Amino acid sequence: MIKKIMVFMFLFGCLAAKAQQPGEDKLGAWYMYFGTNKVSEKFSIHTEAQIRLYETTSNFNQLLLRTGLNYHINPDAIATMGYGYIGTDNTFFEFPEEVDSKEHRIFEQFILKNKVWEFLFEHRYRLEQRFLDLGDVTDTQHRARYRLQMTLPLTDTFFLNFYDELFINLQDDLFGQNRLYGAVGVNITENSSLQIGYMRNQFANAVYDRLQVAFFFNPDLRGLFKKK
């Protein structure tokens, strides 16, 4: 009887460990849309939608919807304030009664751009106030982010894009995560482009490999708001 109990406990432990695996060994994917919709000389509206998967075409991880109002101080400096909604499945495996976490997020952002030779640099500074609903508990957290991005035009159509972004928690453990990214991009039209790349997403206790496919569309909508 004791042997049977020990075997049962061992099998239960293996299943529990397997259920807690975060899917680090899988290549996941992020499919993304970004838009900067110009509505006046100084203002534009940021729109964004992301579907994040634990695997390349299945196993839902996260839905992110974000919008904001951009103030263009000059062509190389942009200030933004916005809101994001994030729904997250925190487990790699599916469970019958699992509850996804929900997050409402307010953010403030400042972007600076500069050019060195043919390299286009972008510095993005962001503060986030995160209101988390984890199902049976709620929490409020604060976070700072800094992203250094570099774009290298190859031709009028093709370009390379790289960035590294550091996340700093303003409570508890200081290090949040780090994202290292590289991609090939193509300018489809004057105001749209596509990037396909790879991101290494490192947390304190896990590292994820992610394919990224991003579509950018930046229309000039000023004509819609002009008085007839």
Protein backbone atom coordinates (compact mmCIF):
# COMPACT_ATOMS: atom_id res chain seq x y z
CA MET A 1 0.00 0.00 0.00
CA ILE A 2 2.81 2.41 0.89
CA LYS A 3 4.54 1.66 -2.42
CA LYS A 4 1.32 2.44 -4.31
CA ILE A 5 0.95 5.75 -2.48
CA MET A 6 4.58 6.65 -3.24
CA VAL A 7 4.12 5.80 -6.93
CA PHE A 8 0.94 7.91 -7.02
CA MET A 9 2.68 10.87 -5.37
CA PHE A 10 5.60 10.57 -7.80
CA LEU A 11 3.29 10.55 -10.84
CA PHE A 12 1.28 13.47 -9.44
CA GLY A 13 4.50 15.43 -8.90
CA CYS A 14 5.61 14.79 -12.48
CA LEU A 15 2.25 15.92 -13.84
CA ALA A 16 2.27 19.04 -11.66
CA ALA A 17 5.78 19.93 -12.81
CA LYS A 18 4.79 19.40 -16.41
CA ALA A 19 1.70 21.57 -15.96
CA GLN A 20 3.86 24.39 -14.63
CA GLN A 21 6.27 24.37 -17.56
CA PRO A 22 6.13 27.78 -19.23
CA GLY A 23 6.85 26.50 -22.75
CA GLU A 24 10.40 27.86 -22.90
CA ASP A 25 11.40 25.17 -25.41
CA LYS A 26 8.78 26.31 -27.94
CA LEU A 27 9.14 28.98 -30.61
CA GLY A 28 6.22 31.31 -30.03
CA ALA A 29 4.98 34.17 -32.18
CA TRP A 30 3.75 37.72 -31.87
CA TYR A 31 1.52 39.09 -34.64
CA MET A 32 1.29 42.87 -34.38
CA TYR A 33 -0.20 46.01 -35.88
CA PHE A 34 1.01 49.57 -35.13
CA GLY A 35 -0.47 52.80 -36.40
CA THR A 36 0.38 56.50 -36.09
CA ASN A 37 -2.68 58.35 -37.38
CA LYS A 38 -1.88 62.02 -37.96
CA VAL A 39 -4.87 64.26 -37.21
CA SER A 40 -3.18 67.70 -37.11
CA GLU A 41 0.24 69.29 -37.49
CA LYS A 42 1.16 68.52 -33.87
CA PHE A 43 -1.10 65.62 -32.87
CA SER A 44 -1.54 61.99 -33.93
CA ILE A 45 -3.36 58.98 -32.49
CA HIS A 46 -1.45 55.81 -31.69
CA THR A 47 -3.27 52.52 -32.38
CA GLU A 48 -1.90 49.06 -31.66
CA ALA A 49 -3.05 45.44 -31.50
CA GLN A 50 -1.00 42.35 -30.70
CA ILE A 51 -1.82 38.64 -30.57
CA ARG A 52 0.87 36.66 -28.74
CA LEU A 53 1.03 32.86 -28.93
CA TYR A 54 3.07 30.29 -27.03
CA GLU A 55 3.58 28.51 -30.36
CA THR A 56 3.82 29.94 -33.86
CA THR A 57 0.18 29.40 -34.89
CA SER A 58 -1.65 28.21 -31.77
CA ASN A 59 -1.81 28.21 -27.95
CA PHE A 60 -3.01 31.69 -26.94
CA ASN A 61 -0.79 33.63 -24.57
CA GLN A 62 -1.81 37.29 -24.68
CA LEU A 63 -4.00 39.91 -26.33
CA LEU A 64 -2.75 43.50 -26.13
CA LEU A 65 -4.73 46.53 -27.29
CA ARG A 66 -3.20 49.97 -26.85
CA THR A 67 -4.00 53.53 -27.88
CA GLY A 68 -2.66 56.95 -27.07
CA LEU A 69 -2.43 60.61 -28.02
CA ASN A 70 0.91 61.72 -29.49
CA TYR A 71 2.16 65.29 -29.34
CA HIS A 72 4.86 65.93 -31.95
CA ILE A 73 7.15 68.50 -30.36
CA ASN A 74 9.27 68.43 -33.50
CA PRO A 75 10.10 65.72 -36.09
CA ASP A 76 12.57 64.12 -33.65
CA ALA A 77 10.67 64.36 -30.34
CA ILE A 78 7.25 62.88 -29.49
CA ALA A 79 5.40 62.83 -26.15
CA THR A 80 2.57 60.33 -25.64
CA MET A 81 -0.02 59.49 -23.01
CA GLY A 82 -2.19 56.43 -23.46
CA TYR A 83 -4.10 53.38 -22.26
CA GLY A 84 -3.71 49.66 -22.82
CA TYR A 85 -5.81 46.56 -22.17
CA ILE A 86 -4.00 43.23 -21.79
CA GLY A 87 -5.59 39.79 -21.38
CA THR A 88 -3.13 37.02 -20.51
CA ASP A 89 -3.19 33.23 -20.31
CA ASN A 90 -0.28 32.67 -17.93
CA THR A 91 0.06 28.91 -18.50
CA PHE A 92 1.44 27.06 -21.49
CA PHE A 93 -1.00 24.16 -21.05
CA GLU A 94 -4.77 24.57 -21.30
CA PHE A 95 -6.94 23.77 -18.28
CA PRO A 96 -10.76 23.38 -18.25
CA GLU A 97 -11.50 26.16 -15.73
CA GLU A 98 -8.46 28.40 -15.98
CA VAL A 99 -9.04 32.13 -15.62
CA ASP A 100 -7.05 34.59 -17.73
CA SER A 101 -5.62 37.61 -15.98
CA LYS A 102 -6.66 41.10 -17.10
CA GLU A 103 -4.72 44.33 -16.97
CA HIS A 104 -5.67 47.95 -17.48
CA ARG A 105 -2.57 50.05 -18.09
CA ILE A 106 -1.89 53.78 -18.26
CA PHE A 107 1.41 54.89 -19.78
CA GLU A 108 3.44 58.03 -20.38
CA GLN A 109 6.08 57.99 -23.09
CA PHE A 110 8.76 60.16 -24.63
CA ILE A 111 10.62 59.38 -27.89
CA LEU A 112 13.80 61.04 -29.14
CA LYS A 113 15.23 60.36 -32.62
CA ASN A 114 18.64 61.08 -34.10
CA LYS A 115 20.75 60.02 -37.07
CA VAL A 116 24.41 58.98 -37.09
CA TRP A 117 25.76 58.42 -40.60
CA GLU A 118 23.17 56.09 -42.17
CA PHE A 119 21.95 54.73 -38.83
CA LEU A 120 18.59 55.96 -37.50
CA PHE A 121 18.40 55.82 -33.70
CA GLU A 122 15.30 56.01 -31.52
CA HIS A 123 15.29 56.30 -27.73
CA ARG A 124 11.96 55.43 -26.10
CA TYR A 125 11.33 56.17 -22.42
CA ARG A 126 8.11 54.85 -20.90
CA LEU A 127 6.43 54.81 -17.46
CA GLU A 128 3.53 52.41 -16.81
CA GLN A 129 0.87 52.19 -14.12
CA ARG A 130 -0.50 48.66 -14.18
CA PHE A 131 -3.86 47.68 -12.64
CA LEU A 132 -3.95 43.88 -12.51
CA ASP A 133 -6.92 41.57 -12.02
CA LEU A 134 -5.59 38.06 -11.41
CA GLY A 135 -8.97 36.45 -10.84
CA ASP A 136 -8.95 36.07 -7.07
CA VAL A 137 -6.73 39.05 -6.26
CA THR A 138 -6.03 42.52 -7.65
CA ASP A 139 -2.76 44.44 -7.60
CA THR A 140 -1.29 47.75 -8.72
CA GLN A 141 2.26 47.89 -10.02
CA HIS A 142 4.55 50.49 -11.57
CA ARG A 143 7.24 49.96 -14.17
CA ALA A 144 9.81 51.91 -16.21
CA ARG A 145 11.04 50.91 -19.68
CA TYR A 146 13.84 52.08 -21.95
CA ARG A 147 14.24 50.96 -25.56
CA LEU A 148 17.17 51.76 -27.82
CA GLN A 149 16.27 51.07 -31.46
CA MET A 150 18.48 51.27 -34.52
CA THR A 151 17.30 51.17 -38.13
CA LEU A 152 19.64 50.76 -41.09
CA PRO A 153 18.18 51.44 -44.57
CA LEU A 154 19.56 49.04 -47.17
CA THR A 155 17.68 50.42 -50.17
CA ASP A 156 14.60 52.59 -50.60
CA THR A 157 12.54 49.43 -50.02
CA PHE A 158 14.45 47.21 -47.57
CA PHE A 159 15.89 47.95 -44.14
CA LEU A 160 17.19 46.26 -40.98
CA ASN A 161 15.80 47.01 -37.55
CA PHE A 162 17.29 46.17 -34.13
CA TYR A 163 16.40 47.08 -30.58
CA ASP A 164 17.08 46.24 -26.97
CA GLU A 165 14.51 47.10 -24.31
CA LEU A 166 14.98 46.93 -20.55
CA PHE A 167 12.05 46.71 -18.09
CA ILE A 168 12.61 47.98 -14.54
CA ASN A 169 10.11 47.22 -11.77
CA LEU A 170 9.53 50.10 -9.36
CA GLN A 171 8.60 47.67 -6.58
CA ASP A 172 9.89 44.27 -5.45
CA ASP A 173 12.62 42.85 -7.72
CA LEU A 174 14.26 45.56 -9.81
CA PHE A 175 14.78 43.55 -13.02
CA GLY A 176 11.60 42.83 -14.94
CA GLN A 177 12.67 41.59 -18.36
CA ASN A 178 14.86 42.36 -21.36
CA ARG A 179 13.88 42.11 -25.02
CA LEU A 180 16.54 41.77 -27.73
CA TYR A 181 15.18 42.01 -31.28
CA GLY A 182 16.39 41.90 -34.89
CA ALA A 183 14.32 42.06 -38.08
CA VAL A 184 14.24 42.59 -41.81
CA GLY A 185 11.78 45.23 -42.98
CA VAL A 186 10.19 46.22 -46.27
CA ASN A 187 8.52 49.53 -47.10
CA ILE A 188 5.28 48.58 -48.83
CA THR A 189 4.06 52.12 -49.53
CA GLU A 190 5.05 55.59 -48.40
CA ASN A 191 3.15 55.16 -45.12
CA SER A 192 3.18 51.38 -44.52
CA SER A 193 5.81 48.74 -43.85
CA LEU A 194 6.24 45.14 -42.72
CA GLN A 195 8.85 43.65 -40.40
CA ILE A 196 9.66 39.97 -39.83
CA GLY A 197 12.12 39.24 -37.04
CA TYR A 198 13.19 37.33 -33.96
CA MET A 199 13.04 38.38 -30.32
CA ARG A 200 14.79 36.91 -27.30
CA ASN A 201 12.65 37.72 -24.26
CA GLN A 202 14.56 37.19 -21.01
CA PHE A 203 12.95 37.20 -17.57
CA ALA A 204 14.65 36.56 -14.22
CA ASN A 205 13.85 32.84 -14.38
CA ALA A 206 12.89 32.12 -18.01
CA VAL A 207 13.89 32.89 -21.59
CA TYR A 208 11.51 32.80 -24.56
CA ASP A 209 12.20 32.77 -28.31
CA ARG A 210 9.60 34.62 -30.36
CA LEU A 211 8.95 35.10 -34.05
CA GLN A 212 7.58 38.59 -34.68
CA VAL A 213 5.51 39.75 -37.64
CA ALA A 214 4.64 43.44 -37.46
CA PHE A 215 2.61 45.62 -39.84
CA PHE A 216 2.94 49.41 -39.59
CA PHE A 217 0.41 51.79 -41.13
CA ASN A 218 0.75 55.56 -40.59
CA PRO A 219 -1.97 57.42 -42.52
CA ASP A 220 -2.32 61.19 -42.71
CA LEU A 221 -5.92 61.88 -41.64
CA ARG A 222 -5.70 65.65 -41.48
CA GLY A 223 -7.93 65.99 -44.53
CA LEU A 224 -10.83 64.39 -42.62
CA PHE A 225 -10.77 67.16 -40.02
CA LYS A 226 -10.49 70.16 -42.30
CA LYS A 227 -13.53 72.41 -42.52
CA LYS A 228 -15.27 72.28 -45.86
